[in-house]
Amino acid sequence: DVYDKFPESIDANEKYVFYSHGFIVEGTNPTPKNDRWGVYEYPAIKESLADSGYNLIAYHRPKGIDPFVHAKSLANDVRKLLQKGVVANHITIIGFSRGAFITSLTSHYLEETPVNTVLLAGCGRIVSNKYSDIKMNGAFLSVYETTDGASTCEKLNIRSPKLTSFDEISISTGKEHGAFYRPITEWVVPVKKWINKKSS
């Protein structure tokens, strides 16, 4: 199932994935257009990330929301699943760009109850000195596009001593940041494979 808000009913035996979109989608338009990278195909991304093996939860964030506030809310939603009996490795948080920043914060806030984390083009400013206190926890997958400014998460890996695993995939589509604006197989397929493997 795909949810745009926290599910009313939780099954402790099922798996859950949270997807956090990029900054451009904040507001009311699910398919905004960037002059350089084209249309952000949020509905299509949700459809492609959906899987029979887990429930997908994807919030459409309002314009101007504080990423720190939203990350704390997301961490609380993860804790609700844990309180309902869902095991930690059956929960994955995934985000792209601004959504990846929020996802990294969420992982940081879940130090005591780490879950699986996927960052898409997430290590631009996250690895800068300004946010050097952010540390990842649990199993961590980074996916980045080689023509994008946000590249490897190796620095984030090194400064995160409580990681249980670190995997990284680079893709080379020539689409820069826009590679994650649409559900292309280069990143969707390995991400879903990783999620299902880590939550098995």
C-alpha atoms as a PDB file:
ATOM      1  CA  ASP A   1       0.000   0.000   0.000  1.00  0.00           C
ATOM      2  CA  VAL A   2       0.993   3.646  -0.541  1.00  0.00           C
ATOM      3  CA  TYR A   3       0.064   6.211   2.106  1.00  0.00           C
ATOM      4  CA  ASP A   4       0.274  10.005   2.087  1.00  0.00           C
ATOM      5  CA  LYS A   5      -0.242  10.101   5.874  1.00  0.00           C
ATOM      6  CA  PHE A   6       0.590   7.789   8.752  1.00  0.00           C
ATOM      7  CA  PRO A   7      -1.497   4.602   8.448  1.00  0.00           C
ATOM      8  CA  GLU A   8      -4.401   4.291  10.863  1.00  0.00           C
ATOM      9  CA  SER A   9      -3.745   0.582  11.278  1.00  0.00           C
ATOM     10  CA  ILE A  10      -0.282  -0.931  11.753  1.00  0.00           C
ATOM     11  CA  ASP A  11       0.532  -4.610  11.265  1.00  0.00           C
ATOM     12  CA  ALA A  12       3.589  -5.600  13.311  1.00  0.00           C
ATOM     13  CA  ASN A  13       4.398  -8.326  10.795  1.00  0.00           C
ATOM     14  CA  GLU A  14       4.614  -5.960   7.823  1.00  0.00           C
ATOM     15  CA  LYS A  15       7.414  -3.708   6.568  1.00  0.00           C
ATOM     16  CA  TYR A  16       7.342   0.075   6.153  1.00  0.00           C
ATOM     17  CA  VAL A  17       9.292   2.533   3.992  1.00  0.00           C
ATOM     18  CA  PHE A  18       9.184   6.333   4.316  1.00  0.00           C
ATOM     19  CA  TYR A  19      10.109   8.370   1.200  1.00  0.00           C
ATOM     20  CA  SER A  20      10.945  12.080   1.549  1.00  0.00           C
ATOM     21  CA  HIS A  21      10.911  14.126  -1.676  1.00  0.00           C
ATOM     22  CA  GLY A  22      13.158  16.995  -2.757  1.00  0.00           C
ATOM     23  CA  PHE A  23      12.746  20.684  -1.881  1.00  0.00           C
ATOM     24  CA  ILE A  24      11.028  21.645  -5.143  1.00  0.00           C
ATOM     25  CA  VAL A  25       7.951  19.538  -4.295  1.00  0.00           C
ATOM     26  CA  GLU A  26       7.298  21.364  -1.026  1.00  0.00           C
ATOM     27  CA  GLY A  27       3.953  23.119  -1.448  1.00  0.00           C
ATOM     28  CA  THR A  28       0.893  21.860  -3.311  1.00  0.00           C
ATOM     29  CA  ASN A  29       2.181  20.892  -6.766  1.00  0.00           C
ATOM     30  CA  PRO A  30       3.216  17.206  -7.019  1.00  0.00           C
ATOM     31  CA  THR A  31       4.896  17.725 -10.407  1.00  0.00           C
ATOM     32  CA  PRO A  32       6.793  21.044 -10.288  1.00  0.00           C
ATOM     33  CA  LYS A  33       9.298  21.896 -13.016  1.00  0.00           C
ATOM     34  CA  ASN A  34      12.899  22.990 -12.623  1.00  0.00           C
ATOM     35  CA  ASP A  35      14.348  24.988 -15.536  1.00  0.00           C
ATOM     36  CA  ARG A  36      17.514  22.851 -15.597  1.00  0.00           C
ATOM     37  CA  TRP A  37      16.330  19.381 -14.580  1.00  0.00           C
ATOM     38  CA  GLY A  38      12.745  19.271 -15.770  1.00  0.00           C
ATOM     39  CA  VAL A  39       9.631  17.952 -14.030  1.00  0.00           C
ATOM     40  CA  TYR A  40       9.863  16.282 -10.643  1.00  0.00           C
ATOM     41  CA  GLU A  41       7.651  13.255 -11.168  1.00  0.00           C
ATOM     42  CA  TYR A  42       6.617  12.717  -7.546  1.00  0.00           C
ATOM     43  CA  PRO A  43       3.521  10.559  -8.247  1.00  0.00           C
ATOM     44  CA  ALA A  44       5.506   8.331 -10.637  1.00  0.00           C
ATOM     45  CA  ILE A  45       8.346   7.983  -8.121  1.00  0.00           C
ATOM     46  CA  LYS A  46       5.901   6.840  -5.449  1.00  0.00           C
ATOM     47  CA  GLU A  47       4.361   4.368  -7.866  1.00  0.00           C
ATOM     48  CA  SER A  48       7.768   2.957  -8.808  1.00  0.00           C
ATOM     49  CA  LEU A  49       9.008   2.714  -5.232  1.00  0.00           C
ATOM     50  CA  ALA A  50       5.853   0.899  -4.138  1.00  0.00           C
ATOM     51  CA  ASP A  51       6.387  -2.817  -3.637  1.00  0.00           C
ATOM     52  CA  SER A  52       4.379  -5.839  -2.541  1.00  0.00           C
ATOM     53  CA  GLY A  53       7.009  -6.469   0.134  1.00  0.00           C
ATOM     54  CA  TYR A  54       6.356  -3.285   2.129  1.00  0.00           C
ATOM     55  CA  ASN A  55       4.045  -0.331   2.786  1.00  0.00           C
ATOM     56  CA  LEU A  56       5.245   2.998   1.350  1.00  0.00           C
ATOM     57  CA  ILE A  57       4.558   6.186   3.286  1.00  0.00           C
ATOM     58  CA  ALA A  58       5.272   9.427   1.405  1.00  0.00           C
ATOM     59  CA  TYR A  59       4.289  12.758   2.938  1.00  0.00           C
ATOM     60  CA  HIS A  60       3.816  15.793   0.690  1.00  0.00           C
ATOM     61  CA  ARG A  61       5.501  18.449   2.807  1.00  0.00           C
ATOM     62  CA  PRO A  62       4.026  21.963   2.947  1.00  0.00           C
ATOM     63  CA  LYS A  63       5.974  24.961   1.668  1.00  0.00           C
ATOM     64  CA  GLY A  64       8.355  26.536   4.147  1.00  0.00           C
ATOM     65  CA  ILE A  65       8.437  23.651   6.613  1.00  0.00           C
ATOM     66  CA  ASP A  66      11.435  23.496   8.943  1.00  0.00           C
ATOM     67  CA  PRO A  67      13.465  20.376   7.998  1.00  0.00           C
ATOM     68  CA  PHE A  68      14.505  19.843  11.616  1.00  0.00           C
ATOM     69  CA  VAL A  69      10.894  19.919  12.797  1.00  0.00           C
ATOM     70  CA  HIS A  70       9.805  17.522  10.047  1.00  0.00           C
ATOM     71  CA  ALA A  71      12.709  15.155  10.799  1.00  0.00           C
ATOM     72  CA  LYS A  72      11.693  14.994  14.458  1.00  0.00           C
ATOM     73  CA  SER A  73       8.112  14.250  13.401  1.00  0.00           C
ATOM     74  CA  LEU A  74       9.352  11.534  11.047  1.00  0.00           C
ATOM     75  CA  ALA A  75      11.481  10.023  13.818  1.00  0.00           C
ATOM     76  CA  ASN A  76       8.403   9.977  16.057  1.00  0.00           C
ATOM     77  CA  ASP A  77       6.452   8.149  13.335  1.00  0.00           C
ATOM     78  CA  VAL A  78       9.214   5.544  13.179  1.00  0.00           C
ATOM     79  CA  ARG A  79       8.997   5.163  16.966  1.00  0.00           C
ATOM     80  CA  LYS A  80       5.235   4.624  16.665  1.00  0.00           C
ATOM     81  CA  LEU A  81       5.910   1.683  14.343  1.00  0.00           C
ATOM     82  CA  LEU A  82       8.460   0.279  16.783  1.00  0.00           C
ATOM     83  CA  GLN A  83       5.981   0.659  19.651  1.00  0.00           C
ATOM     84  CA  LYS A  84       3.424  -1.262  17.589  1.00  0.00           C
ATOM     85  CA  GLY A  85       5.862  -4.159  17.350  1.00  0.00           C
ATOM     86  CA  VAL A  86       7.406  -3.565  13.927  1.00  0.00           C
ATOM     87  CA  VAL A  87      11.072  -4.632  14.131  1.00  0.00           C
ATOM     88  CA  ALA A  88      13.711  -2.023  13.312  1.00  0.00           C
ATOM     89  CA  ASN A  89      15.136  -3.731  10.230  1.00  0.00           C
ATOM     90  CA  HIS A  90      11.626  -3.820   8.735  1.00  0.00           C
ATOM     91  CA  ILE A  91      11.624   0.003   8.634  1.00  0.00           C
ATOM     92  CA  THR A  92      13.475   2.040   6.000  1.00  0.00           C
ATOM     93  CA  ILE A  93      13.723   5.815   5.646  1.00  0.00           C
ATOM     94  CA  ILE A  94      14.705   7.162   2.240  1.00  0.00           C
ATOM     95  CA  GLY A  95      15.102  10.709   0.950  1.00  0.00           C
ATOM     96  CA  PHE A  96      16.369  12.766  -1.967  1.00  0.00           C
ATOM     97  CA  SER A  97      18.167  16.126  -1.744  1.00  0.00           C
ATOM     98  CA  ARG A  98      16.288  18.203   0.917  1.00  0.00           C
ATOM     99  CA  GLY A  99      14.462  14.975   1.678  1.00  0.00           C
ATOM    100  CA  ALA A 100      17.844  13.275   2.141  1.00  0.00           C
ATOM    101  CA  PHE A 101      18.872  15.989   4.609  1.00  0.00           C
ATOM    102  CA  ILE A 102      15.648  15.356   6.542  1.00  0.00           C
ATOM    103  CA  THR A 103      16.274  11.611   6.349  1.00  0.00           C
ATOM    104  CA  SER A 104      19.842  11.970   7.655  1.00  0.00           C
ATOM    105  CA  LEU A 105      18.543  14.021  10.585  1.00  0.00           C
ATOM    106  CA  THR A 106      15.922  11.358  11.248  1.00  0.00           C
ATOM    107  CA  SER A 107      18.604   8.654  11.315  1.00  0.00           C
ATOM    108  CA  HIS A 108      20.608  10.848  13.692  1.00  0.00           C
ATOM    109  CA  TYR A 109      17.589  11.209  16.013  1.00  0.00           C
ATOM    110  CA  LEU A 110      17.043   7.427  15.996  1.00  0.00           C
ATOM    111  CA  GLU A 111      20.439   6.573  17.489  1.00  0.00           C
ATOM    112  CA  GLU A 112      18.892   4.336  20.168  1.00  0.00           C
ATOM    113  CA  THR A 113      16.598   2.518  17.713  1.00  0.00           C
ATOM    114  CA  PRO A 114      18.392   2.590  14.326  1.00  0.00           C
ATOM    115  CA  VAL A 115      16.543   1.604  11.145  1.00  0.00           C
ATOM    116  CA  ASN A 116      17.610   1.239   7.499  1.00  0.00           C
ATOM    117  CA  THR A 117      18.476   4.518   5.761  1.00  0.00           C
ATOM    118  CA  VAL A 118      18.844   5.445   2.068  1.00  0.00           C
ATOM    119  CA  LEU A 119      20.156   8.834   0.919  1.00  0.00           C
ATOM    120  CA  LEU A 120      19.760   9.853  -2.729  1.00  0.00           C
ATOM    121  CA  ALA A 121      22.116  12.708  -3.683  1.00  0.00           C
ATOM    122  CA  GLY A 122      22.308  13.336   0.025  1.00  0.00           C
ATOM    123  CA  CYS A 123      25.907  14.212   0.752  1.00  0.00           C
ATOM    124  CA  GLY A 124      26.306  17.766  -0.386  1.00  0.00           C
ATOM    125  CA  ARG A 125      25.913  20.026   2.608  1.00  0.00           C
ATOM    126  CA  ILE A 126      25.354  17.084   4.979  1.00  0.00           C
ATOM    127  CA  VAL A 127      29.094  16.395   4.918  1.00  0.00           C
ATOM    128  CA  SER A 128      30.018  20.071   5.249  1.00  0.00           C
ATOM    129  CA  ASN A 129      31.395  21.578   8.450  1.00  0.00           C
ATOM    130  CA  LYS A 130      28.054  23.267   9.133  1.00  0.00           C
ATOM    131  CA  TYR A 131      26.345  19.914   9.731  1.00  0.00           C
ATOM    132  CA  SER A 132      29.345  17.884  10.889  1.00  0.00           C
ATOM    133  CA  ASP A 133      27.501  16.768  14.028  1.00  0.00           C
ATOM    134  CA  ILE A 134      25.030  14.636  12.015  1.00  0.00           C
ATOM    135  CA  LYS A 135      25.800  10.937  12.304  1.00  0.00           C
ATOM    136  CA  MET A 136      24.056   7.983  10.678  1.00  0.00           C
ATOM    137  CA  ASN A 137      22.901   4.877  12.509  1.00  0.00           C
ATOM    138  CA  GLY A 138      21.992   1.333  11.433  1.00  0.00           C
ATOM    139  CA  ALA A 139      22.290   0.120   7.843  1.00  0.00           C
ATOM    140  CA  PHE A 140      23.040   2.907   5.355  1.00  0.00           C
ATOM    141  CA  LEU A 141      22.872   3.073   1.549  1.00  0.00           C
ATOM    142  CA  SER A 142      24.042   6.104  -0.437  1.00  0.00           C
ATOM    143  CA  VAL A 143      23.209   6.564  -4.125  1.00  0.00           C
ATOM    144  CA  TYR A 144      24.653   9.477  -6.064  1.00  0.00           C
ATOM    145  CA  GLU A 145      24.943  10.652  -9.660  1.00  0.00           C
ATOM    146  CA  THR A 146      28.520  11.230 -10.863  1.00  0.00           C
ATOM    147  CA  THR A 147      27.607  14.446 -12.719  1.00  0.00           C
ATOM    148  CA  ASP A 148      25.905  15.926  -9.637  1.00  0.00           C
ATOM    149  CA  GLY A 149      27.444  18.193  -7.021  1.00  0.00           C
ATOM    150  CA  ALA A 150      26.233  15.944  -4.197  1.00  0.00           C
ATOM    151  CA  SER A 151      28.571  12.979  -4.412  1.00  0.00           C
ATOM    152  CA  THR A 152      30.003  10.310  -2.113  1.00  0.00           C
ATOM    153  CA  CYS A 153      28.884   9.873   1.504  1.00  0.00           C
ATOM    154  CA  GLU A 154      32.229   8.404   2.564  1.00  0.00           C
ATOM    155  CA  LYS A 155      32.888  11.257   5.033  1.00  0.00           C
ATOM    156  CA  LEU A 156      29.489  10.682   6.625  1.00  0.00           C
ATOM    157  CA  ASN A 157      30.261   6.970   6.846  1.00  0.00           C
ATOM    158  CA  ILE A 158      33.610   7.600   8.530  1.00  0.00           C
ATOM    159  CA  ARG A 159      32.153   9.878  11.202  1.00  0.00           C
ATOM    160  CA  SER A 160      29.239   7.529  12.005  1.00  0.00           C
ATOM    161  CA  PRO A 161      30.645   4.869  14.378  1.00  0.00           C
ATOM    162  CA  LYS A 162      27.271   3.244  15.065  1.00  0.00           C
ATOM    163  CA  LEU A 163      26.590   2.199  11.477  1.00  0.00           C
ATOM    164  CA  THR A 164      26.035  -1.539  11.083  1.00  0.00           C
ATOM    165  CA  SER A 165      26.750  -1.407   7.337  1.00  0.00           C
ATOM    166  CA  PHE A 166      27.540   1.099   4.596  1.00  0.00           C
ATOM    167  CA  ASP A 167      26.862   0.563   0.901  1.00  0.00           C
ATOM    168  CA  GLU A 168      27.250   3.125  -1.863  1.00  0.00           C
ATOM    169  CA  ILE A 169      26.230   3.118  -5.509  1.00  0.00           C
ATOM    170  CA  SER A 170      27.198   5.688  -8.124  1.00  0.00           C
ATOM    171  CA  ILE A 171      25.171   6.101 -11.297  1.00  0.00           C
ATOM    172  CA  SER A 172      26.256   7.961 -14.429  1.00  0.00           C
ATOM    173  CA  THR A 173      23.273   9.173 -16.436  1.00  0.00           C
ATOM    174  CA  GLY A 174      24.543  12.665 -17.223  1.00  0.00           C
ATOM    175  CA  LYS A 175      21.336  14.072 -15.707  1.00  0.00           C
ATOM    176  CA  GLU A 176      23.005  15.701 -12.695  1.00  0.00           C
ATOM    177  CA  HIS A 177      20.608  16.264  -9.759  1.00  0.00           C
ATOM    178  CA  GLY A 178      17.716  15.616 -12.129  1.00  0.00           C
ATOM    179  CA  ALA A 179      18.562  11.904 -12.229  1.00  0.00           C
ATOM    180  CA  PHE A 180      16.411  11.561  -9.111  1.00  0.00           C
ATOM    181  CA  TYR A 181      13.576  13.755 -10.434  1.00  0.00           C
ATOM    182  CA  ARG A 182      12.045  10.708 -12.093  1.00  0.00           C
ATOM    183  CA  PRO A 183      11.940   6.970 -11.376  1.00  0.00           C
ATOM    184  CA  ILE A 184      14.671   5.706 -13.673  1.00  0.00           C
ATOM    185  CA  THR A 185      15.800   2.097 -13.315  1.00  0.00           C
ATOM    186  CA  GLU A 186      19.422   3.105 -12.569  1.00  0.00           C
ATOM    187  CA  TRP A 187      18.516   4.075  -9.007  1.00  0.00           C
ATOM    188  CA  VAL A 188      15.040   2.639  -8.374  1.00  0.00           C
ATOM    189  CA  VAL A 189      16.011  -1.002  -9.003  1.00  0.00           C
ATOM    190  CA  PRO A 190      19.102  -1.124  -6.729  1.00  0.00           C
ATOM    191  CA  VAL A 191      17.337   0.862  -3.999  1.00  0.00           C
ATOM    192  CA  LYS A 192      14.373  -1.521  -3.897  1.00  0.00           C
ATOM    193  CA  LYS A 193      16.718  -4.501  -3.993  1.00  0.00           C
ATOM    194  CA  TRP A 194      18.688  -3.118  -1.049  1.00  0.00           C
ATOM    195  CA  ILE A 195      15.539  -2.347   0.962  1.00  0.00           C
ATOM    196  CA  ASN A 196      14.166  -5.839   0.482  1.00  0.00           C
ATOM    197  CA  LYS A 197      17.523  -7.434   1.306  1.00  0.00           C
ATOM    198  CA  LYS A 198      18.028  -5.431   4.514  1.00  0.00           C
ATOM    199  CA  SER A 199      14.461  -6.026   5.683  1.00  0.00           C
ATOM    200  CA  SER A 200      14.451  -9.760   4.958  1.00  0.00           C
END
